[in-house]
């Protein structure tokens, strides 16, 4: 009987510690419940964006990505985000897909506009910039350095400047 009571007490302590740990992990994760409102944006490319990605203004997290889908009418990526209730986004704002450093995580960066009219829940941020294809940019840079002559990619050195010979008094 005492053996069973000790095992029950140890089990209850383990469950209580696990519950405290889960509560602490949830509260410190910065993932509040879906409070606030949703906006969406359409991107030609949405590489790297995933559910739970941050939405930031001036580097401060104001929301998270809650949905990703392909719009079959425009053939663009529809990204749905949930923004915190106190944050309002002007209707002429821009949104772009950005990364933290060279190999960092991908997030949505909102550049607020100057309008005094704010987007309402469910509306679209119209001005977007999708991800850049870095390999295409590098390929373009390499091919543009090659020039049209098919040379080695190096530009020829300029010819040295010549000065005219001094004039002599005899013809």
C-alpha atoms as a PDB file:
ATOM      1  CA  UNK A   1       0.000   0.000   0.000  1.00  0.00           C
ATOM      2  CA  UNK A   2       2.773   2.456   0.872  1.00  0.00           C
ATOM      3  CA  UNK A   3       4.549   1.577  -2.357  1.00  0.00           C
ATOM      4  CA  UNK A   4       1.440   2.476  -4.364  1.00  0.00           C
ATOM      5  CA  UNK A   5       1.010   5.761  -2.463  1.00  0.00           C
ATOM      6  CA  UNK A   6       4.633   6.798  -3.114  1.00  0.00           C
ATOM      7  CA  UNK A   7       4.308   6.013  -6.818  1.00  0.00           C
ATOM      8  CA  UNK A   8       1.087   8.033  -7.013  1.00  0.00           C
ATOM      9  CA  UNK A   9       2.689  11.031  -5.296  1.00  0.00           C
ATOM     10  CA  UNK A  10       5.736  10.909  -7.597  1.00  0.00           C
ATOM     11  CA  UNK A  11       3.442  10.682 -10.639  1.00  0.00           C
ATOM     12  CA  UNK A  12       1.416  13.681  -9.430  1.00  0.00           C
ATOM     13  CA  UNK A  13       4.606  15.710  -8.919  1.00  0.00           C
ATOM     14  CA  UNK A  14       5.852  14.828 -12.423  1.00  0.00           C
ATOM     15  CA  UNK A  15       2.503  15.853 -13.965  1.00  0.00           C
ATOM     16  CA  UNK A  16       2.513  19.142 -11.979  1.00  0.00           C
ATOM     17  CA  UNK A  17       6.084  19.967 -13.072  1.00  0.00           C
ATOM     18  CA  UNK A  18       5.204  19.171 -16.699  1.00  0.00           C
ATOM     19  CA  UNK A  19       2.148  21.439 -16.471  1.00  0.00           C
ATOM     20  CA  UNK A  20       4.230  24.315 -15.051  1.00  0.00           C
ATOM     21  CA  UNK A  21       6.811  23.791 -17.794  1.00  0.00           C
ATOM     22  CA  UNK A  22       4.169  23.853 -20.554  1.00  0.00           C
ATOM     23  CA  UNK A  23       2.573  26.986 -19.106  1.00  0.00           C
ATOM     24  CA  UNK A  24       5.961  28.727 -18.937  1.00  0.00           C
ATOM     25  CA  UNK A  25       6.899  27.655 -22.477  1.00  0.00           C
ATOM     26  CA  UNK A  26       3.580  28.861 -23.906  1.00  0.00           C
ATOM     27  CA  UNK A  27       3.667  32.217 -22.115  1.00  0.00           C
ATOM     28  CA  UNK A  28       7.288  32.977 -23.048  1.00  0.00           C
ATOM     29  CA  UNK A  29       6.963  31.885 -26.681  1.00  0.00           C
ATOM     30  CA  UNK A  30       5.473  35.228 -27.679  1.00  0.00           C
ATOM     31  CA  UNK A  31       2.634  33.517 -29.524  1.00  0.00           C
ATOM     32  CA  UNK A  32      -0.472  35.134 -28.113  1.00  0.00           C
ATOM     33  CA  UNK A  33      -3.880  33.749 -28.849  1.00  0.00           C
ATOM     34  CA  UNK A  34      -5.446  35.021 -32.053  1.00  0.00           C
ATOM     35  CA  UNK A  35      -6.472  38.413 -30.840  1.00  0.00           C
ATOM     36  CA  UNK A  36      -6.537  41.373 -33.134  1.00  0.00           C
ATOM     37  CA  UNK A  37      -7.494  41.265 -36.791  1.00  0.00           C
ATOM     38  CA  UNK A  38      -6.480  39.643 -40.081  1.00  0.00           C
ATOM     39  CA  UNK A  39      -5.095  41.237 -43.241  1.00  0.00           C
ATOM     40  CA  UNK A  40      -3.778  39.585 -46.368  1.00  0.00           C
ATOM     41  CA  UNK A  41      -1.308  40.333 -49.161  1.00  0.00           C
ATOM     42  CA  UNK A  42      -0.687  38.822 -52.590  1.00  0.00           C
ATOM     43  CA  UNK A  43       2.896  38.022 -53.641  1.00  0.00           C
ATOM     44  CA  UNK A  44       4.327  36.831 -56.954  1.00  0.00           C
ATOM     45  CA  UNK A  45       6.859  34.811 -54.921  1.00  0.00           C
ATOM     46  CA  UNK A  46       6.537  33.846 -51.262  1.00  0.00           C
ATOM     47  CA  UNK A  47       9.584  31.602 -50.862  1.00  0.00           C
ATOM     48  CA  UNK A  48      10.620  31.056 -47.258  1.00  0.00           C
ATOM     49  CA  UNK A  49       7.424  32.306 -45.612  1.00  0.00           C
ATOM     50  CA  UNK A  50       5.746  29.723 -43.422  1.00  0.00           C
ATOM     51  CA  UNK A  51       2.929  29.576 -40.898  1.00  0.00           C
ATOM     52  CA  UNK A  52       3.965  31.346 -37.711  1.00  0.00           C
ATOM     53  CA  UNK A  53       6.453  33.671 -39.432  1.00  0.00           C
ATOM     54  CA  UNK A  54       6.720  37.113 -37.857  1.00  0.00           C
ATOM     55  CA  UNK A  55       5.130  40.279 -39.204  1.00  0.00           C
ATOM     56  CA  UNK A  56       7.168  43.334 -38.215  1.00  0.00           C
ATOM     57  CA  UNK A  57       7.064  47.108 -38.423  1.00  0.00           C
ATOM     58  CA  UNK A  58      10.378  48.883 -37.736  1.00  0.00           C
ATOM     59  CA  UNK A  59      11.823  45.568 -36.522  1.00  0.00           C
ATOM     60  CA  UNK A  60       9.115  45.088 -33.871  1.00  0.00           C
ATOM     61  CA  UNK A  61       6.876  42.031 -34.072  1.00  0.00           C
ATOM     62  CA  UNK A  62       3.228  43.028 -34.428  1.00  0.00           C
ATOM     63  CA  UNK A  63       1.733  39.788 -35.714  1.00  0.00           C
ATOM     64  CA  UNK A  64       2.177  36.377 -37.283  1.00  0.00           C
ATOM     65  CA  UNK A  65       1.427  34.625 -40.564  1.00  0.00           C
ATOM     66  CA  UNK A  66      -1.687  32.483 -40.127  1.00  0.00           C
ATOM     67  CA  UNK A  67      -2.400  31.284 -43.646  1.00  0.00           C
ATOM     68  CA  UNK A  68      -0.772  30.530 -47.002  1.00  0.00           C
ATOM     69  CA  UNK A  69      -2.608  29.644 -50.188  1.00  0.00           C
ATOM     70  CA  UNK A  70      -2.378  29.917 -53.956  1.00  0.00           C
ATOM     71  CA  UNK A  71      -4.922  32.284 -55.494  1.00  0.00           C
ATOM     72  CA  UNK A  72      -5.978  30.352 -58.606  1.00  0.00           C
ATOM     73  CA  UNK A  73      -7.426  33.454 -60.293  1.00  0.00           C
ATOM     74  CA  UNK A  74      -4.255  35.565 -60.120  1.00  0.00           C
ATOM     75  CA  UNK A  75      -1.768  32.695 -59.676  1.00  0.00           C
ATOM     76  CA  UNK A  76      -0.147  34.473 -56.777  1.00  0.00           C
ATOM     77  CA  UNK A  77       0.615  33.475 -53.215  1.00  0.00           C
ATOM     78  CA  UNK A  78      -1.977  34.730 -50.738  1.00  0.00           C
ATOM     79  CA  UNK A  79      -0.450  35.327 -47.320  1.00  0.00           C
ATOM     80  CA  UNK A  80      -2.864  35.874 -44.416  1.00  0.00           C
ATOM     81  CA  UNK A  81      -1.551  37.502 -41.247  1.00  0.00           C
ATOM     82  CA  UNK A  82      -2.998  38.196 -37.813  1.00  0.00           C
ATOM     83  CA  UNK A  83      -1.975  41.570 -36.370  1.00  0.00           C
ATOM     84  CA  UNK A  84      -2.270  42.607 -32.748  1.00  0.00           C
ATOM     85  CA  UNK A  85      -5.312  44.741 -31.892  1.00  0.00           C
ATOM     86  CA  UNK A  86      -3.444  47.924 -30.961  1.00  0.00           C
ATOM     87  CA  UNK A  87      -1.578  48.093 -34.285  1.00  0.00           C
ATOM     88  CA  UNK A  88      -3.182  49.820 -37.243  1.00  0.00           C
ATOM     89  CA  UNK A  89      -1.742  49.763 -40.753  1.00  0.00           C
ATOM     90  CA  UNK A  90      -2.295  52.711 -43.134  1.00  0.00           C
ATOM     91  CA  UNK A  91      -3.965  51.701 -46.408  1.00  0.00           C
ATOM     92  CA  UNK A  92      -0.999  52.879 -48.528  1.00  0.00           C
ATOM     93  CA  UNK A  93       1.550  50.737 -46.659  1.00  0.00           C
ATOM     94  CA  UNK A  94       4.015  48.444 -48.388  1.00  0.00           C
ATOM     95  CA  UNK A  95       4.867  44.895 -47.351  1.00  0.00           C
ATOM     96  CA  UNK A  96       7.884  42.848 -48.393  1.00  0.00           C
ATOM     97  CA  UNK A  97       9.384  39.491 -47.613  1.00  0.00           C
ATOM     98  CA  UNK A  98      12.667  40.000 -45.777  1.00  0.00           C
ATOM     99  CA  UNK A  99      15.300  37.846 -44.087  1.00  0.00           C
ATOM    100  CA  UNK A 100      17.249  38.361 -40.904  1.00  0.00           C
ATOM    101  CA  UNK A 101      20.817  38.411 -42.198  1.00  0.00           C
ATOM    102  CA  UNK A 102      22.199  36.278 -44.980  1.00  0.00           C
ATOM    103  CA  UNK A 103      20.919  32.921 -43.714  1.00  0.00           C
ATOM    104  CA  UNK A 104      18.376  34.113 -41.143  1.00  0.00           C
ATOM    105  CA  UNK A 105      14.694  33.401 -40.846  1.00  0.00           C
ATOM    106  CA  UNK A 106      12.178  34.943 -43.226  1.00  0.00           C
ATOM    107  CA  UNK A 107       9.549  37.430 -42.060  1.00  0.00           C
ATOM    108  CA  UNK A 108       7.139  40.028 -43.429  1.00  0.00           C
ATOM    109  CA  UNK A 109       8.253  43.660 -43.089  1.00  0.00           C
ATOM    110  CA  UNK A 110       5.594  46.360 -43.307  1.00  0.00           C
ATOM    111  CA  UNK A 111       6.640  49.873 -44.306  1.00  0.00           C
ATOM    112  CA  UNK A 112       3.785  52.121 -43.114  1.00  0.00           C
ATOM    113  CA  UNK A 113       2.455  54.708 -45.524  1.00  0.00           C
ATOM    114  CA  UNK A 114       1.422  58.243 -44.749  1.00  0.00           C
ATOM    115  CA  UNK A 115      -2.327  57.862 -45.172  1.00  0.00           C
ATOM    116  CA  UNK A 116      -4.668  58.641 -42.316  1.00  0.00           C
ATOM    117  CA  UNK A 117      -7.034  55.890 -43.490  1.00  0.00           C
ATOM    118  CA  UNK A 118      -6.306  52.474 -41.973  1.00  0.00           C
ATOM    119  CA  UNK A 119      -6.933  49.002 -43.350  1.00  0.00           C
ATOM    120  CA  UNK A 120      -9.960  47.250 -41.923  1.00  0.00           C
ATOM    121  CA  UNK A 121     -10.019  43.571 -40.910  1.00  0.00           C
ATOM    122  CA  UNK A 122      -9.964  41.290 -43.945  1.00  0.00           C
ATOM    123  CA  UNK A 123      -8.587  43.911 -46.345  1.00  0.00           C
ATOM    124  CA  UNK A 124      -5.539  43.578 -48.593  1.00  0.00           C
ATOM    125  CA  UNK A 125      -2.167  45.277 -48.396  1.00  0.00           C
ATOM    126  CA  UNK A 126      -1.829  46.105 -52.089  1.00  0.00           C
ATOM    127  CA  UNK A 127       1.797  47.181 -52.415  1.00  0.00           C
ATOM    128  CA  UNK A 128       3.958  44.053 -52.126  1.00  0.00           C
ATOM    129  CA  UNK A 129       7.459  42.869 -52.914  1.00  0.00           C
ATOM    130  CA  UNK A 130       8.062  39.134 -53.017  1.00  0.00           C
ATOM    131  CA  UNK A 131      11.280  37.276 -52.396  1.00  0.00           C
ATOM    132  CA  UNK A 132      14.276  37.854 -54.595  1.00  0.00           C
ATOM    133  CA  UNK A 133      15.764  34.865 -56.341  1.00  0.00           C
ATOM    134  CA  UNK A 134      19.401  35.284 -55.308  1.00  0.00           C
ATOM    135  CA  UNK A 135      20.670  32.701 -57.779  1.00  0.00           C
ATOM    136  CA  UNK A 136      19.074  34.578 -60.696  1.00  0.00           C
ATOM    137  CA  UNK A 137      20.666  37.804 -59.502  1.00  0.00           C
ATOM    138  CA  UNK A 138      24.101  36.181 -59.266  1.00  0.00           C
ATOM    139  CA  UNK A 139      23.644  34.625 -62.721  1.00  0.00           C
ATOM    140  CA  UNK A 140      22.703  37.992 -64.199  1.00  0.00           C
ATOM    141  CA  UNK A 141      25.721  39.644 -62.579  1.00  0.00           C
ATOM    142  CA  UNK A 142      28.087  37.002 -63.959  1.00  0.00           C
ATOM    143  CA  UNK A 143      26.683  37.176 -67.470  1.00  0.00           C
ATOM    144  CA  UNK A 144      26.698  40.973 -67.498  1.00  0.00           C
ATOM    145  CA  UNK A 145      30.370  41.007 -66.506  1.00  0.00           C
ATOM    146  CA  UNK A 146      31.187  38.883 -69.556  1.00  0.00           C
ATOM    147  CA  UNK A 147      30.395  41.737 -71.949  1.00  0.00           C
ATOM    148  CA  UNK A 148      29.196  41.393 -75.530  1.00  0.00           C
ATOM    149  CA  UNK A 149      32.640  40.525 -76.988  1.00  0.00           C
ATOM    150  CA  UNK A 150      32.780  37.151 -75.282  1.00  0.00           C
ATOM    151  CA  UNK A 151      36.073  38.111 -73.630  1.00  0.00           C
ATOM    152  CA  UNK A 152      37.423  37.174 -70.277  1.00  0.00           C
ATOM    153  CA  UNK A 153      35.069  39.485 -68.440  1.00  0.00           C
ATOM    154  CA  UNK A 154      37.775  42.045 -67.793  1.00  0.00           C
ATOM    155  CA  UNK A 155      37.630  45.534 -69.160  1.00  0.00           C
ATOM    156  CA  UNK A 156      40.684  46.676 -71.099  1.00  0.00           C
ATOM    157  CA  UNK A 157      42.983  49.153 -69.420  1.00  0.00           C
ATOM    158  CA  UNK A 158      42.747  52.677 -70.781  1.00  0.00           C
ATOM    159  CA  UNK A 159      45.508  53.774 -73.175  1.00  0.00           C
ATOM    160  CA  UNK A 160      48.120  56.014 -71.566  1.00  0.00           C
ATOM    161  CA  UNK A 161      47.638  59.678 -72.213  1.00  0.00           C
ATOM    162  CA  UNK A 162      50.090  61.115 -74.720  1.00  0.00           C
ATOM    163  CA  UNK A 163      51.363  64.640 -74.672  1.00  0.00           C
ATOM    164  CA  UNK A 164      52.225  66.441 -77.895  1.00  0.00           C
ATOM    165  CA  UNK A 165      55.906  66.824 -78.715  1.00  0.00           C
ATOM    166  CA  UNK A 166      57.301  70.260 -78.109  1.00  0.00           C
ATOM    167  CA  UNK A 167      57.503  72.393 -81.221  1.00  0.00           C
ATOM    168  CA  UNK A 168      60.970  73.211 -82.569  1.00  0.00           C
ATOM    169  CA  UNK A 169      61.786  76.499 -84.228  1.00  0.00           C
ATOM    170  CA  UNK A 170      62.893  74.966 -87.568  1.00  0.00           C
ATOM    171  CA  UNK A 171      60.474  73.868 -90.271  1.00  0.00           C
END
